[in-house]
Amino acid sequence: MQLHLDFPEIPKPHDRLWEHLDEATRRTAIAQLARLIMQAAPVQRETGSKSDD
């Protein structure tokens, strides 16, 4: 459930915007979101040696 706040100065977004996008635009948006998520996720590199700290 998504609640909408009524602010008269802000236009209301279309409820089903995603469905109006063409396939190429959807793929581009998903790829960009994936890049942003990867950048935000912490990177843990394996060093080859494990310590039992």
C-alpha atoms as a PDB file:
ATOM      1  CA  MET A   1       0.000   0.000   0.000  1.00  0.00           C
ATOM      2  CA  GLN A   2       1.360   3.373  -0.952  1.00  0.00           C
ATOM      3  CA  LEU A   3       0.013   6.551   0.579  1.00  0.00           C
ATOM      4  CA  HIS A   4      -0.023   9.789  -1.374  1.00  0.00           C
ATOM      5  CA  LEU A   5       0.306  13.105   0.387  1.00  0.00           C
ATOM      6  CA  ASP A   6      -1.605  15.909  -1.254  1.00  0.00           C
ATOM      7  CA  PHE A   7       0.693  18.845  -1.855  1.00  0.00           C
ATOM      8  CA  PRO A   8      -0.971  21.185  -4.355  1.00  0.00           C
ATOM      9  CA  GLU A   9       2.337  22.612  -5.605  1.00  0.00           C
ATOM     10  CA  ILE A  10       3.742  19.175  -6.498  1.00  0.00           C
ATOM     11  CA  PRO A  11       2.340  17.352  -9.531  1.00  0.00           C
ATOM     12  CA  LYS A  12       1.075  13.842  -8.814  1.00  0.00           C
ATOM     13  CA  PRO A  13       3.108  11.068 -10.409  1.00  0.00           C
ATOM     14  CA  HIS A  14       1.415   8.605 -12.666  1.00  0.00           C
ATOM     15  CA  ASP A  15       0.521   5.504 -10.631  1.00  0.00           C
ATOM     16  CA  ARG A  16       1.790   3.055 -13.211  1.00  0.00           C
ATOM     17  CA  LEU A  17       4.712   4.906 -14.764  1.00  0.00           C
ATOM     18  CA  TRP A  18       6.836   1.753 -15.143  1.00  0.00           C
ATOM     19  CA  GLU A  19       4.232   0.144 -17.387  1.00  0.00           C
ATOM     20  CA  HIS A  20       4.410   3.091 -19.794  1.00  0.00           C
ATOM     21  CA  LEU A  21       8.166   2.778 -20.340  1.00  0.00           C
ATOM     22  CA  ASP A  22       9.464   0.914 -23.370  1.00  0.00           C
ATOM     23  CA  GLU A  23      11.635  -2.189 -22.906  1.00  0.00           C
ATOM     24  CA  ALA A  24      14.925  -0.406 -23.698  1.00  0.00           C
ATOM     25  CA  THR A  25      14.232   2.302 -21.105  1.00  0.00           C
ATOM     26  CA  ARG A  26      13.318  -0.317 -18.497  1.00  0.00           C
ATOM     27  CA  ARG A  27      16.558  -2.224 -19.140  1.00  0.00           C
ATOM     28  CA  THR A  28      18.587   0.982 -18.882  1.00  0.00           C
ATOM     29  CA  ALA A  29      16.897   1.920 -15.600  1.00  0.00           C
ATOM     30  CA  ILE A  30      17.480  -1.543 -14.130  1.00  0.00           C
ATOM     31  CA  ALA A  31      21.134  -1.513 -15.189  1.00  0.00           C
ATOM     32  CA  GLN A  32      21.666   1.910 -13.626  1.00  0.00           C
ATOM     33  CA  LEU A  33      19.971   0.844 -10.388  1.00  0.00           C
ATOM     34  CA  ALA A  34      22.174  -2.271 -10.283  1.00  0.00           C
ATOM     35  CA  ARG A  35      25.289  -0.078 -10.657  1.00  0.00           C
ATOM     36  CA  LEU A  36      24.123   2.205  -7.839  1.00  0.00           C
ATOM     37  CA  ILE A  37      23.410  -0.748  -5.560  1.00  0.00           C
ATOM     38  CA  MET A  38      26.842  -2.230  -6.276  1.00  0.00           C
ATOM     39  CA  GLN A  39      28.484   1.114  -5.459  1.00  0.00           C
ATOM     40  CA  ALA A  40      26.551   1.378  -2.198  1.00  0.00           C
ATOM     41  CA  ALA A  41      27.282  -2.185  -1.077  1.00  0.00           C
ATOM     42  CA  PRO A  42      30.430  -2.682   0.976  1.00  0.00           C
ATOM     43  CA  VAL A  43      33.166  -4.527  -0.853  1.00  0.00           C
ATOM     44  CA  GLN A  44      34.788  -7.439   0.956  1.00  0.00           C
ATOM     45  CA  ARG A  45      37.860  -8.725  -0.788  1.00  0.00           C
ATOM     46  CA  GLU A  46      39.271 -12.113  -0.001  1.00  0.00           C
ATOM     47  CA  THR A  47      42.968 -12.015   0.785  1.00  0.00           C
ATOM     48  CA  GLY A  48      43.538 -15.741   0.465  1.00  0.00           C
ATOM     49  CA  SER A  49      44.354 -16.155   4.142  1.00  0.00           C
ATOM     50  CA  LYS A  50      41.751 -16.538   6.816  1.00  0.00           C
ATOM     51  CA  SER A  51      42.203 -15.448  10.387  1.00  0.00           C
ATOM     52  CA  ASP A  52      40.236 -16.708  13.361  1.00  0.00           C
ATOM     53  CA  ASP A  53      39.990 -13.385  15.214  1.00  0.00           C
END
